[in-house]
Amino acid sequence: MDCIFCKIIKGEIPSTKVYEDDFVYAFDDISPSAPVHTLVIPKEHIVNVNDLSEKNSTIMTNLFLAVKKVAEIKNISQDGYRVIMNNEAGSGQEVFHMHIHVLGGKYPMGPLLQK
């Protein structure tokens, strides 16, 4: 498998670790879109939401609990932060290993969708 995120989890590619537990790994994005831009990924290779099943669906709980911890670690939990998950290429998913973007800090965070 030639997955960059799997290589990061294995330590084959360096990253700036923010948080880790038995199920997830969180690290700073190398090309941030905000002052705080951390990626939260499952240690198990799951491509995206379409690959969830009853067998692996508990990973979503683990991912979102890690998002909360990342927000606390990065001191953005009180001021607000954005949580984004792209699913498939048409939505902007570039790395096909499930991941959540946690974005925050002092930058304009208007609504994503305009009416």
N, C-alpha and C. Protein backbone atom coordinates (compact mmCIF):
# COMPACT_ATOMS: atom_id res chain seq x y z
N MET A 1 0.85 -1.18 0.00
CA MET A 1 0.00 0.00 0.00
C MET A 1 0.89 1.24 0.00
N ASP A 2 0.53 2.20 -0.78
CA ASP A 2 1.33 3.40 -0.93
C ASP A 2 0.59 4.61 -0.37
N CYS A 3 0.02 4.47 0.81
CA CYS A 3 -0.77 5.54 1.42
C CYS A 3 0.14 6.42 2.28
N ILE A 4 0.17 7.70 1.99
CA ILE A 4 1.03 8.62 2.73
C ILE A 4 0.65 8.68 4.21
N PHE A 5 -0.64 8.62 4.52
CA PHE A 5 -1.04 8.68 5.92
C PHE A 5 -0.65 7.40 6.66
N CYS A 6 -0.74 6.25 6.01
CA CYS A 6 -0.28 5.00 6.64
C CYS A 6 1.22 5.09 6.92
N LYS A 7 1.97 5.70 6.01
CA LYS A 7 3.41 5.86 6.22
C LYS A 7 3.70 6.82 7.38
N ILE A 8 2.88 7.85 7.53
CA ILE A 8 3.04 8.78 8.67
C ILE A 8 2.78 8.04 9.97
N ILE A 9 1.72 7.24 10.02
CA ILE A 9 1.41 6.47 11.23
C ILE A 9 2.55 5.53 11.59
N LYS A 10 3.17 4.90 10.59
CA LYS A 10 4.28 3.97 10.83
C LYS A 10 5.58 4.68 11.17
N GLY A 11 5.62 6.01 11.02
CA GLY A 11 6.84 6.76 11.28
C GLY A 11 7.80 6.79 10.12
N GLU A 12 7.36 6.33 8.95
CA GLU A 12 8.22 6.33 7.76
C GLU A 12 8.33 7.72 7.15
N ILE A 13 7.36 8.57 7.41
CA ILE A 13 7.36 9.96 6.96
C ILE A 13 7.19 10.81 8.22
N PRO A 14 8.04 11.83 8.41
CA PRO A 14 7.93 12.63 9.63
C PRO A 14 6.67 13.49 9.65
N SER A 15 6.21 13.75 10.87
CA SER A 15 5.06 14.63 11.06
C SER A 15 5.20 15.30 12.42
N THR A 16 4.44 16.36 12.60
CA THR A 16 4.40 17.03 13.89
C THR A 16 3.17 16.52 14.64
N LYS A 17 3.40 15.55 15.51
CA LYS A 17 2.30 14.92 16.24
C LYS A 17 1.67 15.89 17.22
N VAL A 18 0.34 15.91 17.21
CA VAL A 18 -0.42 16.72 18.15
C VAL A 18 -1.07 15.83 19.20
N TYR A 19 -1.55 14.66 18.77
CA TYR A 19 -2.25 13.74 19.67
C TYR A 19 -2.19 12.34 19.09
N GLU A 20 -2.16 11.35 19.98
CA GLU A 20 -2.20 9.96 19.53
C GLU A 20 -2.80 9.10 20.63
N ASP A 21 -3.60 8.13 20.21
CA ASP A 21 -4.06 7.09 21.13
C ASP A 21 -4.03 5.76 20.38
N ASP A 22 -4.69 4.76 20.89
CA ASP A 22 -4.64 3.43 20.25
C ASP A 22 -5.32 3.40 18.89
N PHE A 23 -6.23 4.35 18.62
CA PHE A 23 -7.05 4.28 17.42
C PHE A 23 -6.80 5.39 16.40
N VAL A 24 -6.32 6.54 16.87
CA VAL A 24 -6.17 7.69 15.98
C VAL A 24 -4.81 8.34 16.16
N TYR A 25 -4.44 9.10 15.13
CA TYR A 25 -3.21 9.88 15.14
C TYR A 25 -3.57 11.26 14.60
N ALA A 26 -3.12 12.31 15.26
CA ALA A 26 -3.38 13.68 14.82
C ALA A 26 -2.07 14.41 14.65
N PHE A 27 -1.96 15.15 13.55
CA PHE A 27 -0.72 15.86 13.24
C PHE A 27 -1.03 17.14 12.49
N ASP A 28 -0.11 18.08 12.56
CA ASP A 28 -0.29 19.36 11.87
C ASP A 28 -0.16 19.20 10.37
N ASP A 29 -1.04 19.86 9.63
CA ASP A 29 -1.01 19.85 8.17
C ASP A 29 0.26 20.58 7.71
N ILE A 30 0.93 20.03 6.70
CA ILE A 30 2.17 20.66 6.21
C ILE A 30 1.89 21.87 5.33
N SER A 31 0.65 22.04 4.90
CA SER A 31 0.26 23.19 4.10
C SER A 31 -1.02 23.78 4.70
N PRO A 32 -0.91 24.43 5.86
CA PRO A 32 -2.10 24.84 6.59
C PRO A 32 -2.95 25.89 5.88
N SER A 33 -4.25 25.75 6.07
CA SER A 33 -5.23 26.70 5.54
C SER A 33 -5.71 27.67 6.62
N ALA A 34 -5.19 27.54 7.82
CA ALA A 34 -5.56 28.39 8.95
C ALA A 34 -4.41 28.36 9.95
N PRO A 35 -4.40 29.30 10.92
CA PRO A 35 -3.33 29.28 11.93
C PRO A 35 -3.23 27.93 12.64
N VAL A 36 -4.36 27.29 12.89
CA VAL A 36 -4.38 25.92 13.41
C VAL A 36 -5.01 25.06 12.33
N HIS A 37 -4.28 24.07 11.86
CA HIS A 37 -4.79 23.13 10.86
C HIS A 37 -4.18 21.78 11.15
N THR A 38 -4.96 20.97 11.84
CA THR A 38 -4.51 19.64 12.26
C THR A 38 -5.37 18.58 11.58
N LEU A 39 -4.76 17.49 11.18
CA LEU A 39 -5.47 16.37 10.59
C LEU A 39 -5.59 15.27 11.63
N VAL A 40 -6.78 14.70 11.73
CA VAL A 40 -7.05 13.59 12.64
C VAL A 40 -7.40 12.39 11.76
N ILE A 41 -6.62 11.30 11.91
CA ILE A 41 -6.79 10.14 11.03
C ILE A 41 -6.91 8.86 11.85
N PRO A 42 -7.67 7.88 11.35
CA PRO A 42 -7.68 6.58 12.03
C PRO A 42 -6.38 5.84 11.72
N LYS A 43 -5.92 5.05 12.66
CA LYS A 43 -4.72 4.24 12.42
C LYS A 43 -5.02 3.11 11.45
N GLU A 44 -6.26 2.67 11.43
CA GLU A 44 -6.68 1.65 10.47
C GLU A 44 -6.93 2.35 9.12
N HIS A 45 -6.46 1.75 8.04
CA HIS A 45 -6.69 2.36 6.73
C HIS A 45 -8.15 2.18 6.33
N ILE A 46 -8.87 3.29 6.35
CA ILE A 46 -10.25 3.36 5.88
C ILE A 46 -10.26 4.49 4.87
N VAL A 47 -10.72 4.23 3.66
CA VAL A 47 -10.63 5.23 2.59
C VAL A 47 -11.46 6.47 2.91
N ASN A 48 -12.71 6.29 3.25
CA ASN A 48 -13.59 7.41 3.59
C ASN A 48 -14.89 6.86 4.16
N VAL A 49 -15.88 7.70 4.32
CA VAL A 49 -17.15 7.30 4.93
C VAL A 49 -17.78 6.14 4.16
N ASN A 50 -17.59 6.09 2.87
CA ASN A 50 -18.16 5.00 2.08
C ASN A 50 -17.61 3.64 2.46
N ASP A 51 -16.47 3.59 3.13
CA ASP A 51 -15.88 2.33 3.55
C ASP A 51 -16.24 1.94 4.98
N LEU A 52 -17.11 2.71 5.61
CA LEU A 52 -17.53 2.35 6.96
C LEU A 52 -18.49 1.17 6.92
N SER A 53 -18.37 0.34 7.94
CA SER A 53 -19.28 -0.80 8.10
C SER A 53 -19.58 -0.93 9.59
N GLU A 54 -20.45 -1.84 9.94
CA GLU A 54 -20.72 -2.05 11.36
C GLU A 54 -19.45 -2.50 12.09
N LYS A 55 -18.58 -3.19 11.39
CA LYS A 55 -17.34 -3.69 11.99
C LYS A 55 -16.38 -2.56 12.39
N ASN A 56 -16.29 -1.49 11.59
CA ASN A 56 -15.32 -0.42 11.86
C ASN A 56 -15.96 0.93 12.20
N SER A 57 -17.27 0.99 12.35
CA SER A 57 -17.95 2.27 12.53
C SER A 57 -17.62 2.97 13.85
N THR A 58 -17.13 2.25 14.85
CA THR A 58 -16.78 2.90 16.12
C THR A 58 -15.62 3.87 15.95
N ILE A 59 -14.92 3.79 14.82
CA ILE A 59 -13.81 4.72 14.59
C ILE A 59 -14.30 6.16 14.55
N MET A 60 -15.55 6.37 14.14
CA MET A 60 -16.07 7.74 14.08
C MET A 60 -16.12 8.35 15.47
N THR A 61 -16.51 7.58 16.47
CA THR A 61 -16.49 8.07 17.85
C THR A 61 -15.07 8.42 18.26
N ASN A 62 -14.14 7.53 17.97
CA ASN A 62 -12.74 7.78 18.31
C ASN A 62 -12.21 9.03 17.62
N LEU A 63 -12.56 9.21 16.34
CA LEU A 63 -12.09 10.38 15.60
C LEU A 63 -12.62 11.67 16.22
N PHE A 64 -13.91 11.71 16.52
CA PHE A 64 -14.49 12.96 17.04
C PHE A 64 -14.07 13.24 18.48
N LEU A 65 -13.81 12.21 19.27
CA LEU A 65 -13.24 12.46 20.60
C LEU A 65 -11.83 13.02 20.47
N ALA A 66 -11.09 12.55 19.47
CA ALA A 66 -9.75 13.09 19.22
C ALA A 66 -9.83 14.53 18.71
N VAL A 67 -10.82 14.86 17.89
CA VAL A 67 -11.02 16.23 17.44
C VAL A 67 -11.17 17.15 18.66
N LYS A 68 -11.99 16.72 19.61
CA LYS A 68 -12.19 17.51 20.83
C LYS A 68 -10.86 17.71 21.57
N LYS A 69 -10.07 16.65 21.70
CA LYS A 69 -8.78 16.75 22.38
C LYS A 69 -7.82 17.68 21.63
N VAL A 70 -7.80 17.58 20.30
CA VAL A 70 -6.95 18.45 19.49
C VAL A 70 -7.33 19.91 19.71
N ALA A 71 -8.63 20.20 19.71
CA ALA A 71 -9.09 21.58 19.94
C ALA A 71 -8.64 22.09 21.30
N GLU A 72 -8.66 21.22 22.30
CA GLU A 72 -8.20 21.62 23.63
C GLU A 72 -6.68 21.83 23.63
N ILE A 73 -5.95 20.92 23.04
CA ILE A 73 -4.48 21.02 22.98
C ILE A 73 -4.05 22.29 22.25
N LYS A 74 -4.75 22.61 21.16
CA LYS A 74 -4.39 23.78 20.34
C LYS A 74 -5.03 25.08 20.84
N ASN A 75 -5.74 25.01 21.95
CA ASN A 75 -6.37 26.19 22.57
C ASN A 75 -7.36 26.89 21.66
N ILE A 76 -8.16 26.11 20.94
CA ILE A 76 -9.21 26.70 20.08
C ILE A 76 -10.60 26.22 20.48
N SER A 77 -10.70 25.41 21.53
CA SER A 77 -11.99 24.83 21.89
C SER A 77 -13.00 25.88 22.35
N GLN A 78 -12.55 26.94 22.97
CA GLN A 78 -13.48 27.96 23.47
C GLN A 78 -13.84 29.00 22.42
N ASP A 79 -12.90 29.36 21.56
CA ASP A 79 -13.14 30.40 20.56
C ASP A 79 -13.87 29.88 19.33
N GLY A 80 -13.82 28.59 19.09
CA GLY A 80 -14.50 28.00 17.94
C GLY A 80 -13.52 27.47 16.92
N TYR A 81 -13.96 26.45 16.22
CA TYR A 81 -13.13 25.82 15.20
C TYR A 81 -14.03 25.11 14.21
N ARG A 82 -13.46 24.82 13.08
CA ARG A 82 -14.19 24.16 11.99
C ARG A 82 -13.69 22.73 11.88
N VAL A 83 -14.63 21.81 11.62
CA VAL A 83 -14.33 20.39 11.44
C VAL A 83 -14.81 20.01 10.05
N ILE A 84 -13.88 19.55 9.20
CA ILE A 84 -14.22 19.25 7.80
C ILE A 84 -13.75 17.85 7.44
N MET A 85 -14.61 17.10 6.76
CA MET A 85 -14.23 15.80 6.22
C MET A 85 -14.72 15.74 4.79
N ASN A 86 -13.79 15.61 3.86
CA ASN A 86 -14.13 15.46 2.45
C ASN A 86 -14.28 13.98 2.13
N ASN A 87 -15.24 13.66 1.28
CA ASN A 87 -15.53 12.25 0.97
C ASN A 87 -15.60 12.08 -0.53
N GLU A 88 -14.57 11.45 -1.10
CA GLU A 88 -14.39 11.21 -2.54
C GLU A 88 -13.82 12.45 -3.23
N ALA A 89 -13.28 12.24 -4.40
CA ALA A 89 -12.56 13.29 -5.15
C ALA A 89 -13.45 14.49 -5.46
N GLY A 90 -14.72 14.25 -5.75
CA GLY A 90 -15.62 15.35 -6.10
C GLY A 90 -15.84 16.35 -4.98
N SER A 91 -15.54 15.95 -3.75
CA SER A 91 -15.69 16.85 -2.61
C SER A 91 -14.36 17.52 -2.24
N GLY A 92 -13.29 17.08 -2.88
CA GLY A 92 -11.98 17.63 -2.57
C GLY A 92 -11.07 16.68 -1.83
N GLN A 93 -11.49 15.44 -1.60
CA GLN A 93 -10.60 14.49 -0.93
C GLN A 93 -9.40 14.20 -1.84
N GLU A 94 -8.21 14.46 -1.31
CA GLU A 94 -6.98 14.26 -2.08
C GLU A 94 -6.20 13.05 -1.60
N VAL A 95 -6.24 12.77 -0.32
CA VAL A 95 -5.58 11.59 0.24
C VAL A 95 -6.69 10.61 0.61
N PHE A 96 -6.62 9.42 0.05
CA PHE A 96 -7.72 8.47 0.22
C PHE A 96 -7.47 7.55 1.41
N HIS A 97 -7.36 8.21 2.54
CA HIS A 97 -7.32 7.63 3.88
C HIS A 97 -8.17 8.59 4.70
N MET A 98 -9.24 8.11 5.28
CA MET A 98 -10.18 8.98 6.01
C MET A 98 -9.42 9.95 6.91
N HIS A 99 -9.82 11.20 6.90
CA HIS A 99 -9.21 12.19 7.77
C HIS A 99 -10.16 13.35 8.01
N ILE A 100 -9.98 13.97 9.15
CA ILE A 100 -10.77 15.15 9.53
C ILE A 100 -9.81 16.31 9.67
N HIS A 101 -10.18 17.43 9.05
CA HIS A 101 -9.43 18.68 9.20
C HIS A 101 -10.01 19.43 10.39
N VAL A 102 -9.15 19.85 11.30
CA VAL A 102 -9.54 20.71 12.41
C VAL A 102 -8.88 22.05 12.16
N LEU A 103 -9.70 23.08 11.92
CA LEU A 103 -9.19 24.40 11.56
C LEU A 103 -9.65 25.44 12.59
N GLY A 104 -8.73 26.30 12.99
CA GLY A 104 -9.09 27.34 13.94
C GLY A 104 -8.01 28.39 14.02
N GLY A 105 -8.13 29.23 15.03
CA GLY A 105 -7.20 30.34 15.20
C GLY A 105 -7.82 31.60 14.66
N LYS A 106 -7.06 32.64 14.65
CA LYS A 106 -7.58 33.94 14.22
C LYS A 106 -7.51 34.08 12.71
N TYR A 107 -8.60 33.74 12.06
CA TYR A 107 -8.76 33.93 10.63
C TYR A 107 -10.25 34.02 10.35
N PRO A 108 -10.64 34.64 9.26
CA PRO A 108 -12.07 34.78 8.98
C PRO A 108 -12.74 33.43 8.77
N MET A 109 -13.73 33.14 9.60
CA MET A 109 -14.45 31.88 9.48
C MET A 109 -15.92 32.17 9.23
N GLY A 110 -16.21 32.68 8.07
CA GLY A 110 -17.59 32.90 7.72
C GLY A 110 -18.27 31.59 7.37
N PRO A 111 -19.53 31.66 7.01
CA PRO A 111 -20.24 30.43 6.64
C PRO A 111 -19.62 29.78 5.41
N LEU A 112 -19.65 28.46 5.39
CA LEU A 112 -19.12 27.72 4.24
C LEU A 112 -20.03 27.87 3.03
N LEU A 113 -21.31 27.85 3.28
CA LEU A 113 -22.28 27.89 2.18
C LEU A 113 -22.99 29.23 2.20
N GLN A 114 -23.00 29.87 1.08
CA GLN A 114 -23.72 31.15 0.96
C GLN A 114 -25.09 30.89 0.34
N LYS A 115 -26.08 31.60 0.81
CA LYS A 115 -27.44 31.44 0.25
C LYS A 115 -27.59 32.24 -1.01
